[in-house]
Amino acid sequence: MDIVDQIKGAVAGHEAEVAEGIEKIGDLVDEKTGGQYAAQVDQAQQFLKDQLGGTAQ
């Protein structure tokens, strides 16, 4: 079992909490960088949420 499968197994059933964490981390990065990388942060957030199976928006 590779690391990705292990992470997906750990996240299973906690998608909403993980999505909330992704949002909070993105907001923190935006705050610390003055929004300079907001587009890239938003793109990364969407990518990570998609990896959750698209159930957490």
PDB file of N, CA and C in Angstrom:
ATOM      1  N   MET A   1       0.859  -1.175   0.000  1.00  0.00           N
ATOM      2  CA  MET A   1       0.000   0.000   0.000  1.00  0.00           C
ATOM      3  C   MET A   1       0.904   1.237   0.000  1.00  0.00           C
ATOM      4  N   ASP A   2       0.652   2.132  -0.928  1.00  0.00           N
ATOM      5  CA  ASP A   2       1.489   3.325  -0.978  1.00  0.00           C
ATOM      6  C   ASP A   2       0.934   4.425  -0.075  1.00  0.00           C
ATOM      7  N   ILE A   3       1.674   5.490   0.048  1.00  0.00           N
ATOM      8  CA  ILE A   3       1.333   6.583   0.969  1.00  0.00           C
ATOM      9  C   ILE A   3      -0.011   7.227   0.621  1.00  0.00           C
ATOM     10  N   VAL A   4      -0.312   7.348  -0.658  1.00  0.00           N
ATOM     11  CA  VAL A   4      -1.577   7.975  -1.071  1.00  0.00           C
ATOM     12  C   VAL A   4      -2.756   7.150  -0.577  1.00  0.00           C
ATOM     13  N   ASP A   5      -2.676   5.843  -0.710  1.00  0.00           N
ATOM     14  CA  ASP A   5      -3.751   4.980  -0.229  1.00  0.00           C
ATOM     15  C   ASP A   5      -3.892   5.066   1.284  1.00  0.00           C
ATOM     16  N   GLN A   6      -2.788   5.188   1.980  1.00  0.00           N
ATOM     17  CA  GLN A   6      -2.824   5.319   3.435  1.00  0.00           C
ATOM     18  C   GLN A   6      -3.499   6.622   3.848  1.00  0.00           C
ATOM     19  N   ILE A   7      -3.180   7.687   3.138  1.00  0.00           N
ATOM     20  CA  ILE A   7      -3.801   8.989   3.443  1.00  0.00           C
ATOM     21  C   ILE A   7      -5.294   8.934   3.154  1.00  0.00           C
ATOM     22  N   LYS A   8      -5.667   8.369   2.007  1.00  0.00           N
ATOM     23  CA  LYS A   8      -7.089   8.265   1.666  1.00  0.00           C
ATOM     24  C   LYS A   8      -7.835   7.431   2.703  1.00  0.00           C
ATOM     25  N   GLY A   9      -7.204   6.382   3.205  1.00  0.00           N
ATOM     26  CA  GLY A   9      -7.825   5.571   4.241  1.00  0.00           C
ATOM     27  C   GLY A   9      -8.012   6.341   5.529  1.00  0.00           C
ATOM     28  N   ALA A  10      -7.046   7.166   5.877  1.00  0.00           N
ATOM     29  CA  ALA A  10      -7.133   7.958   7.108  1.00  0.00           C
ATOM     30  C   ALA A  10      -8.199   9.044   7.001  1.00  0.00           C
ATOM     31  N   VAL A  11      -8.415   9.552   5.801  1.00  0.00           N
ATOM     32  CA  VAL A  11      -9.364  10.641   5.576  1.00  0.00           C
ATOM     33  C   VAL A  11     -10.798  10.125   5.466  1.00  0.00           C
ATOM     34  N   ALA A  12     -10.959   8.887   5.072  1.00  0.00           N
ATOM     35  CA  ALA A  12     -12.290   8.331   4.843  1.00  0.00           C
ATOM     36  C   ALA A  12     -13.213   8.585   6.029  1.00  0.00           C
ATOM     37  N   GLY A  13     -14.342   9.199   5.733  1.00  0.00           N
ATOM     38  CA  GLY A  13     -15.315   9.511   6.767  1.00  0.00           C
ATOM     39  C   GLY A  13     -15.110  10.871   7.403  1.00  0.00           C
ATOM     40  N   HIS A  14     -14.022  11.531   7.052  1.00  0.00           N
ATOM     41  CA  HIS A  14     -13.718  12.846   7.639  1.00  0.00           C
ATOM     42  C   HIS A  14     -13.502  13.900   6.558  1.00  0.00           C
ATOM     43  N   GLU A  15     -14.138  13.709   5.426  1.00  0.00           N
ATOM     44  CA  GLU A  15     -13.936  14.602   4.296  1.00  0.00           C
ATOM     45  C   GLU A  15     -14.298  16.044   4.614  1.00  0.00           C
ATOM     46  N   ALA A  16     -15.376  16.262   5.333  1.00  0.00           N
ATOM     47  CA  ALA A  16     -15.805  17.624   5.655  1.00  0.00           C
ATOM     48  C   ALA A  16     -14.776  18.329   6.531  1.00  0.00           C
ATOM     49  N   GLU A  17     -14.235  17.612   7.509  1.00  0.00           N
ATOM     50  CA  GLU A  17     -13.229  18.209   8.387  1.00  0.00           C
ATOM     51  C   GLU A  17     -11.948  18.533   7.624  1.00  0.00           C
ATOM     52  N   VAL A  18     -11.555  17.644   6.732  1.00  0.00           N
ATOM     53  CA  VAL A  18     -10.350  17.877   5.941  1.00  0.00           C
ATOM     54  C   VAL A  18     -10.560  19.066   5.005  1.00  0.00           C
ATOM     55  N   ALA A  19     -11.729  19.157   4.382  1.00  0.00           N
ATOM     56  CA  ALA A  19     -12.032  20.282   3.490  1.00  0.00           C
ATOM     57  C   ALA A  19     -11.995  21.595   4.267  1.00  0.00           C
ATOM     58  N   GLU A  20     -12.508  21.586   5.492  1.00  0.00           N
ATOM     59  CA  GLU A  20     -12.465  22.779   6.323  1.00  0.00           C
ATOM     60  C   GLU A  20     -11.017  23.167   6.632  1.00  0.00           C
ATOM     61  N   GLY A  21     -10.193  22.176   6.907  1.00  0.00           N
ATOM     62  CA  GLY A  21      -8.775  22.427   7.155  1.00  0.00           C
ATOM     63  C   GLY A  21      -8.074  22.995   5.932  1.00  0.00           C
ATOM     64  N   ILE A  22      -8.417  22.485   4.765  1.00  0.00           N
ATOM     65  CA  ILE A  22      -7.843  22.994   3.520  1.00  0.00           C
ATOM     66  C   ILE A  22      -8.190  24.467   3.353  1.00  0.00           C
ATOM     67  N   GLU A  23      -9.434  24.818   3.634  1.00  0.00           N
ATOM     68  CA  GLU A  23      -9.863  26.216   3.540  1.00  0.00           C
ATOM     69  C   GLU A  23      -9.098  27.102   4.531  1.00  0.00           C
ATOM     70  N   LYS A  24      -8.969  26.636   5.772  1.00  0.00           N
ATOM     71  CA  LYS A  24      -8.279  27.424   6.794  1.00  0.00           C
ATOM     72  C   LYS A  24      -6.809  27.639   6.450  1.00  0.00           C
ATOM     73  N   ILE A  25      -6.153  26.593   5.957  1.00  0.00           N
ATOM     74  CA  ILE A  25      -4.749  26.715   5.565  1.00  0.00           C
ATOM     75  C   ILE A  25      -4.617  27.700   4.406  1.00  0.00           C
ATOM     76  N   GLY A  26      -5.510  27.599   3.432  1.00  0.00           N
ATOM     77  CA  GLY A  26      -5.484  28.529   2.304  1.00  0.00           C
ATOM     78  C   GLY A  26      -5.684  29.957   2.751  1.00  0.00           C
ATOM     79  N   ASP A  27      -6.613  30.176   3.675  1.00  0.00           N
ATOM     80  CA  ASP A  27      -6.847  31.521   4.197  1.00  0.00           C
ATOM     81  C   ASP A  27      -5.617  32.045   4.921  1.00  0.00           C
ATOM     82  N   LEU A  28      -4.941  31.178   5.675  1.00  0.00           N
ATOM     83  CA  LEU A  28      -3.735  31.573   6.387  1.00  0.00           C
ATOM     84  C   LEU A  28      -2.628  31.967   5.407  1.00  0.00           C
ATOM     85  N   VAL A  29      -2.457  31.168   4.369  1.00  0.00           N
ATOM     86  CA  VAL A  29      -1.437  31.484   3.361  1.00  0.00           C
ATOM     87  C   VAL A  29      -1.763  32.812   2.694  1.00  0.00           C
ATOM     88  N   ASP A  30      -3.024  33.023   2.343  1.00  0.00           N
ATOM     89  CA  ASP A  30      -3.431  34.301   1.737  1.00  0.00           C
ATOM     90  C   ASP A  30      -3.139  35.467   2.680  1.00  0.00           C
ATOM     91  N   GLU A  31      -3.436  35.277   3.947  1.00  0.00           N
ATOM     92  CA  GLU A  31      -3.199  36.328   4.931  1.00  0.00           C
ATOM     93  C   GLU A  31      -1.707  36.649   5.052  1.00  0.00           C
ATOM     94  N   LYS A  32      -0.892  35.611   5.153  1.00  0.00           N
ATOM     95  CA  LYS A  32       0.549  35.800   5.346  1.00  0.00           C
ATOM     96  C   LYS A  32       1.237  36.367   4.110  1.00  0.00           C
ATOM     97  N   THR A  33       0.684  36.116   2.925  1.00  0.00           N
ATOM     98  CA  THR A  33       1.307  36.609   1.693  1.00  0.00           C
ATOM     99  C   THR A  33       0.604  37.845   1.153  1.00  0.00           C
ATOM    100  N   GLY A  34      -0.357  38.357   1.892  1.00  0.00           N
ATOM    101  CA  GLY A  34      -1.088  39.534   1.437  1.00  0.00           C
ATOM    102  C   GLY A  34      -1.925  39.263   0.198  1.00  0.00           C
ATOM    103  N   GLY A  35      -2.293  38.023  -0.011  1.00  0.00           N
ATOM    104  CA  GLY A  35      -3.118  37.665  -1.159  1.00  0.00           C
ATOM    105  C   GLY A  35      -2.347  37.605  -2.467  1.00  0.00           C
ATOM    106  N   GLN A  36      -1.025  37.726  -2.395  1.00  0.00           N
ATOM    107  CA  GLN A  36      -0.188  37.737  -3.594  1.00  0.00           C
ATOM    108  C   GLN A  36      -0.331  36.465  -4.413  1.00  0.00           C
ATOM    109  N   TYR A  37      -0.581  35.357  -3.757  1.00  0.00           N
ATOM    110  CA  TYR A  37      -0.678  34.066  -4.444  1.00  0.00           C
ATOM    111  C   TYR A  37      -2.090  33.483  -4.349  1.00  0.00           C
ATOM    112  N   ALA A  38      -3.080  34.341  -4.240  1.00  0.00           N
ATOM    113  CA  ALA A  38      -4.458  33.893  -4.029  1.00  0.00           C
ATOM    114  C   ALA A  38      -4.939  32.948  -5.124  1.00  0.00           C
ATOM    115  N   ALA A  39      -4.610  33.238  -6.375  1.00  0.00           N
ATOM    116  CA  ALA A  39      -5.065  32.386  -7.477  1.00  0.00           C
ATOM    117  C   ALA A  39      -4.450  30.995  -7.372  1.00  0.00           C
ATOM    118  N   GLN A  40      -3.165  30.936  -7.042  1.00  0.00           N
ATOM    119  CA  GLN A  40      -2.499  29.640  -6.913  1.00  0.00           C
ATOM    120  C   GLN A  40      -3.018  28.877  -5.702  1.00  0.00           C
ATOM    121  N   VAL A  41      -3.276  29.591  -4.614  1.00  0.00           N
ATOM    122  CA  VAL A  41      -3.806  28.959  -3.408  1.00  0.00           C
ATOM    123  C   VAL A  41      -5.190  28.392  -3.688  1.00  0.00           C
ATOM    124  N   ASP A  42      -6.025  29.159  -4.372  1.00  0.00           N
ATOM    125  CA  ASP A  42      -7.366  28.686  -4.720  1.00  0.00           C
ATOM    126  C   ASP A  42      -7.295  27.442  -5.601  1.00  0.00           C
ATOM    127  N   GLN A  43      -6.365  27.450  -6.540  1.00  0.00           N
ATOM    128  CA  GLN A  43      -6.201  26.296  -7.427  1.00  0.00           C
ATOM    129  C   GLN A  43      -5.764  25.067  -6.630  1.00  0.00           C
ATOM    130  N   ALA A  44      -4.835  25.252  -5.712  1.00  0.00           N
ATOM    131  CA  ALA A  44      -4.365  24.137  -4.880  1.00  0.00           C
ATOM    132  C   ALA A  44      -5.487  23.619  -3.984  1.00  0.00           C
ATOM    133  N   GLN A  45      -6.273  24.534  -3.420  1.00  0.00           N
ATOM    134  CA  GLN A  45      -7.391  24.127  -2.577  1.00  0.00           C
ATOM    135  C   GLN A  45      -8.382  23.291  -3.379  1.00  0.00           C
ATOM    136  N   GLN A  46      -8.698  23.717  -4.575  1.00  0.00           N
ATOM    137  CA  GLN A  46      -9.655  22.977  -5.390  1.00  0.00           C
ATOM    138  C   GLN A  46      -9.102  21.609  -5.758  1.00  0.00           C
ATOM    139  N   PHE A  47      -7.811  21.552  -6.091  1.00  0.00           N
ATOM    140  CA  PHE A  47      -7.189  20.277  -6.419  1.00  0.00           C
ATOM    141  C   PHE A  47      -7.289  19.312  -5.247  1.00  0.00           C
ATOM    142  N   LEU A  48      -6.966  19.793  -4.052  1.00  0.00           N
ATOM    143  CA  LEU A  48      -7.012  18.921  -2.877  1.00  0.00           C
ATOM    144  C   LEU A  48      -8.426  18.460  -2.569  1.00  0.00           C
ATOM    145  N   LYS A  49      -9.397  19.346  -2.714  1.00  0.00           N
ATOM    146  CA  LYS A  49     -10.782  18.962  -2.487  1.00  0.00           C
ATOM    147  C   LYS A  49     -11.237  17.926  -3.511  1.00  0.00           C
ATOM    148  N   ASP A  50     -10.780  18.081  -4.752  1.00  0.00           N
ATOM    149  CA  ASP A  50     -11.113  17.101  -5.788  1.00  0.00           C
ATOM    150  C   ASP A  50     -10.532  15.735  -5.427  1.00  0.00           C
ATOM    151  N   GLN A  51      -9.370  15.718  -4.799  1.00  0.00           N
ATOM    152  CA  GLN A  51      -8.749  14.458  -4.403  1.00  0.00           C
ATOM    153  C   GLN A  51      -9.539  13.764  -3.299  1.00  0.00           C
ATOM    154  N   LEU A  52     -10.356  14.510  -2.587  1.00  0.00           N
ATOM    155  CA  LEU A  52     -11.207  13.920  -1.559  1.00  0.00           C
ATOM    156  C   LEU A  52     -12.389  13.182  -2.176  1.00  0.00           C
ATOM    157  N   GLY A  53     -12.504  13.268  -3.462  1.00  0.00           N
ATOM    158  CA  GLY A  53     -13.602  12.596  -4.154  1.00  0.00           C
ATOM    159  C   GLY A  53     -14.677  13.549  -4.583  1.00  0.00           C
ATOM    160  N   GLY A  54     -14.427  14.822  -4.426  1.00  0.00           N
ATOM    161  CA  GLY A  54     -15.383  15.821  -4.847  1.00  0.00           C
ATOM    162  C   GLY A  54     -16.595  15.942  -3.950  1.00  0.00           C
ATOM    163  N   THR A  55     -16.608  15.212  -2.824  1.00  0.00           N
ATOM    164  CA  THR A  55     -17.767  15.259  -1.951  1.00  0.00           C
ATOM    165  C   THR A  55     -17.739  16.471  -1.036  1.00  0.00           C
ATOM    166  N   ALA A  56     -16.565  17.019  -0.796  1.00  0.00           N
ATOM    167  CA  ALA A  56     -16.436  18.169   0.104  1.00  0.00           C
ATOM    168  C   ALA A  56     -16.202  19.411  -0.732  1.00  0.00           C
ATOM    169  N   GLN A  57     -17.170  20.285  -0.751  1.00  0.00           N
ATOM    170  CA  GLN A  57     -17.022  21.530  -1.511  1.00  0.00           C
ATOM    171  C   GLN A  57     -17.041  22.651  -0.573  1.00  0.00           C
TER     172      GLN A  57
END
